[in-house]
């Protein structure tokens, strides 16, 4: 059995990142914005398709990203061609929605809405009329008055009611009835 050696770890508070060896303090990179003394841990490209990066603090990275123009320095024809090339490369994701592959990732429904649709035994593209019909059907099946003493039916009834509330409120938000 090997003899236990002295640890290189000083304990807490940690002065370096995990995996670093040695007893010296970790070296930090400062924000590349002139006059900023914050930690620069947010990389940002210096130019489109360039491997060179700026390293900003969170505030300056947000400002840089807000003002970033991917098509800066390109003629209108070159910008249109590059936009078309990138859109063509991403078209497969848009086409997959036709086959119901996209699910909640297509941006039309939240994760809670998808769970509610699953609880109502509906597909991801169900409209409000289908939601109402499924709600009516499941309430008749699981209502505690129709199933006295059945704990599973009571639990399922609560689940159906909660799912319907989630989908109804989402539909109201989409239609602009509720702020």
Protein backbone atom coordinates (compact mmCIF):
# COMPACT_ATOMS: atom_id res chain seq x y z
CA UNK A 1 0.00 0.00 0.00
CA UNK A 2 1.32 3.42 -0.99
CA UNK A 3 2.16 5.89 1.72
CA UNK A 4 -0.30 8.79 2.07
CA UNK A 5 1.20 12.05 0.80
CA UNK A 6 0.48 15.54 1.91
CA UNK A 7 -2.51 17.08 0.10
CA UNK A 8 -2.09 20.02 -2.25
CA UNK A 9 -5.54 21.23 -1.27
CA UNK A 10 -5.76 24.14 1.14
CA UNK A 11 -9.46 23.50 1.79
CA UNK A 12 -12.07 26.23 1.84
CA UNK A 13 -12.39 28.91 0.72
CA UNK A 14 -11.16 27.59 -2.62
CA UNK A 15 -8.63 29.88 -4.20
CA UNK A 16 -8.46 28.02 -7.47
CA UNK A 17 -10.68 26.01 -9.73
CA UNK A 18 -11.22 22.29 -9.31
CA UNK A 19 -8.52 20.16 -10.89
CA UNK A 20 -5.75 22.76 -10.60
CA UNK A 21 -2.64 21.62 -8.73
CA UNK A 22 -0.33 23.58 -6.52
CA UNK A 23 -0.69 25.95 -3.63
CA UNK A 24 -0.63 29.21 -5.54
CA UNK A 25 -3.73 31.32 -6.05
CA UNK A 26 -5.52 30.98 -9.38
CA UNK A 27 -4.80 33.62 -12.01
CA UNK A 28 -7.89 35.50 -13.16
CA UNK A 29 -8.41 37.23 -16.47
CA UNK A 30 -9.82 40.75 -16.27
CA UNK A 31 -12.47 42.17 -18.57
CA UNK A 32 -11.08 43.38 -21.91
CA UNK A 33 -13.17 46.59 -21.74
CA UNK A 34 -10.96 49.60 -21.04
CA UNK A 35 -11.08 50.60 -17.36
CA UNK A 36 -13.10 47.59 -16.14
CA UNK A 37 -11.65 45.61 -13.23
CA UNK A 38 -14.26 42.81 -13.19
CA UNK A 39 -13.44 39.18 -14.01
CA UNK A 40 -13.56 38.60 -17.79
CA UNK A 41 -15.01 35.10 -18.09
CA UNK A 42 -17.50 35.62 -20.96
CA UNK A 43 -15.87 35.02 -24.38
CA UNK A 44 -17.13 36.98 -27.39
CA UNK A 45 -15.88 36.78 -31.00
CA UNK A 46 -13.80 39.67 -32.30
CA UNK A 47 -15.14 39.15 -35.84
CA UNK A 48 -17.58 36.75 -37.57
CA UNK A 49 -16.10 33.25 -37.95
CA UNK A 50 -12.90 34.33 -36.17
CA UNK A 51 -11.18 32.15 -33.56
CA UNK A 52 -9.98 35.26 -31.69
CA UNK A 53 -12.05 36.22 -28.66
CA UNK A 54 -12.62 39.15 -26.35
CA UNK A 55 -13.20 38.27 -22.70
CA UNK A 56 -15.76 40.49 -20.99
CA UNK A 57 -17.48 40.66 -17.63
CA UNK A 58 -21.20 39.86 -17.64
CA UNK A 59 -22.35 43.47 -18.04
CA UNK A 60 -19.99 44.28 -20.90
CA UNK A 61 -20.72 40.93 -22.61
CA UNK A 62 -24.44 41.79 -22.59
CA UNK A 63 -23.71 45.22 -24.06
CA UNK A 64 -21.42 43.73 -26.72
CA UNK A 65 -23.98 41.08 -27.71
CA UNK A 66 -26.78 43.65 -27.91
CA UNK A 67 -24.77 45.74 -30.37
CA UNK A 68 -23.32 42.80 -32.33
CA UNK A 69 -24.02 42.86 -36.07
CA UNK A 70 -23.14 39.59 -37.73
CA UNK A 71 -23.42 41.13 -41.19
CA UNK A 72 -21.26 44.21 -40.50
CA UNK A 73 -18.85 44.96 -43.34
CA UNK A 74 -20.77 42.89 -45.92
CA UNK A 75 -22.54 44.21 -48.96
CA UNK A 76 -26.34 43.71 -49.00
CA UNK A 77 -25.93 40.89 -51.56
CA UNK A 78 -23.31 39.08 -49.44
CA UNK A 79 -25.42 39.53 -46.30
CA UNK A 80 -28.49 38.10 -48.06
CA UNK A 81 -26.47 35.16 -49.40
CA UNK A 82 -24.99 34.36 -45.97
CA UNK A 83 -28.41 34.62 -44.30
CA UNK A 84 -29.89 32.27 -46.93
CA UNK A 85 -27.03 29.78 -46.45
CA UNK A 86 -27.52 29.70 -42.69
CA UNK A 87 -31.29 29.45 -42.99
CA UNK A 88 -30.90 26.55 -45.41
CA UNK A 89 -28.70 24.75 -42.88
CA UNK A 90 -31.34 25.16 -40.15
CA UNK A 91 -34.32 24.22 -42.31
CA UNK A 92 -34.26 20.60 -41.14
CA UNK A 93 -35.42 21.60 -37.67
CA UNK A 94 -38.36 23.58 -39.04
CA UNK A 95 -39.37 20.73 -41.34
CA UNK A 96 -39.34 18.23 -38.48
CA UNK A 97 -42.32 20.00 -36.88
CA UNK A 98 -44.49 18.61 -39.68
CA UNK A 99 -43.79 15.08 -38.44
CA UNK A 100 -44.34 16.01 -34.76
CA UNK A 101 -40.65 15.43 -33.99
CA UNK A 102 -40.14 18.85 -32.53
CA UNK A 103 -42.45 18.46 -29.51
CA UNK A 104 -42.03 21.21 -26.94
CA UNK A 105 -38.74 22.28 -28.52
CA UNK A 106 -40.53 23.97 -31.41
CA UNK A 107 -41.29 26.92 -29.13
CA UNK A 108 -45.07 26.81 -29.43
CA UNK A 109 -45.71 25.26 -26.00
CA UNK A 110 -43.96 25.37 -22.64
CA UNK A 111 -42.91 22.28 -20.73
CA UNK A 112 -45.86 22.72 -18.33
CA UNK A 113 -48.26 22.91 -21.25
CA UNK A 114 -46.80 19.71 -22.70
CA UNK A 115 -47.24 17.95 -19.36
CA UNK A 116 -50.84 19.20 -19.19
CA UNK A 117 -51.54 17.89 -22.70
CA UNK A 118 -50.08 14.55 -21.67
CA UNK A 119 -52.33 14.48 -18.59
CA UNK A 120 -55.35 15.12 -20.84
CA UNK A 121 -54.14 12.38 -23.22
CA UNK A 122 -53.75 14.79 -26.17
CA UNK A 123 -51.13 15.39 -28.87
CA UNK A 124 -48.84 18.43 -28.84
CA UNK A 125 -50.81 20.16 -31.62
CA UNK A 126 -54.22 20.00 -29.88
CA UNK A 127 -56.32 23.16 -30.05
CA UNK A 128 -58.55 24.62 -27.33
CA UNK A 129 -61.65 22.80 -28.59
CA UNK A 130 -59.89 19.43 -28.26
CA UNK A 131 -58.65 20.41 -24.80
CA UNK A 132 -62.19 21.27 -23.69
CA UNK A 133 -63.59 18.02 -25.09
CA UNK A 134 -60.90 15.91 -23.41
CA UNK A 135 -61.43 17.79 -20.15
CA UNK A 136 -65.19 17.14 -20.23
CA UNK A 137 -64.68 13.45 -21.00
CA UNK A 138 -62.07 12.90 -18.29
CA UNK A 139 -64.03 14.85 -15.66
CA UNK A 140 -67.05 12.62 -16.26
CA UNK A 141 -64.87 9.52 -15.89
CA UNK A 142 -62.93 10.59 -12.79
CA UNK A 143 -65.28 12.86 -10.82
CA UNK A 144 -65.39 11.89 -7.11
CA UNK A 145 -69.22 11.90 -7.12
CA UNK A 146 -69.21 9.30 -9.90
CA UNK A 147 -66.51 7.23 -8.11
CA UNK A 148 -67.16 7.47 -4.37
CA UNK A 149 -64.32 6.18 -2.23
CA UNK A 150 -61.89 5.76 -5.15
CA UNK A 151 -58.68 7.60 -4.17
CA UNK A 152 -57.04 7.01 -7.56
CA UNK A 153 -60.01 8.60 -9.38
CA UNK A 154 -59.91 11.59 -7.00
CA UNK A 155 -56.18 12.05 -7.62
CA UNK A 156 -56.69 11.78 -11.39
CA UNK A 157 -59.58 14.28 -11.21
CA UNK A 158 -57.31 16.85 -9.52
CA UNK A 159 -54.63 16.22 -12.13
CA UNK A 160 -57.12 16.76 -14.99
CA UNK A 161 -58.42 19.98 -13.40
CA UNK A 162 -54.89 21.35 -12.93
CA UNK A 163 -53.94 20.44 -16.52
CA UNK A 164 -57.02 22.18 -17.89
CA UNK A 165 -56.26 25.30 -15.84
CA UNK A 166 -52.70 25.43 -17.20
CA UNK A 167 -53.87 25.13 -20.82
CA UNK A 168 -56.77 27.57 -20.40
CA UNK A 169 -54.51 30.23 -18.88
CA UNK A 170 -51.91 29.71 -21.62
CA UNK A 171 -54.61 30.15 -24.28
CA UNK A 172 -55.83 33.33 -22.56
CA UNK A 173 -52.29 34.71 -22.54
CA UNK A 174 -51.85 33.91 -26.24
CA UNK A 175 -55.15 35.51 -27.19
CA UNK A 176 -54.38 38.61 -25.09
CA UNK A 177 -57.32 38.33 -22.68
CA UNK A 178 -55.09 38.24 -19.58
CA UNK A 179 -52.01 40.38 -19.06
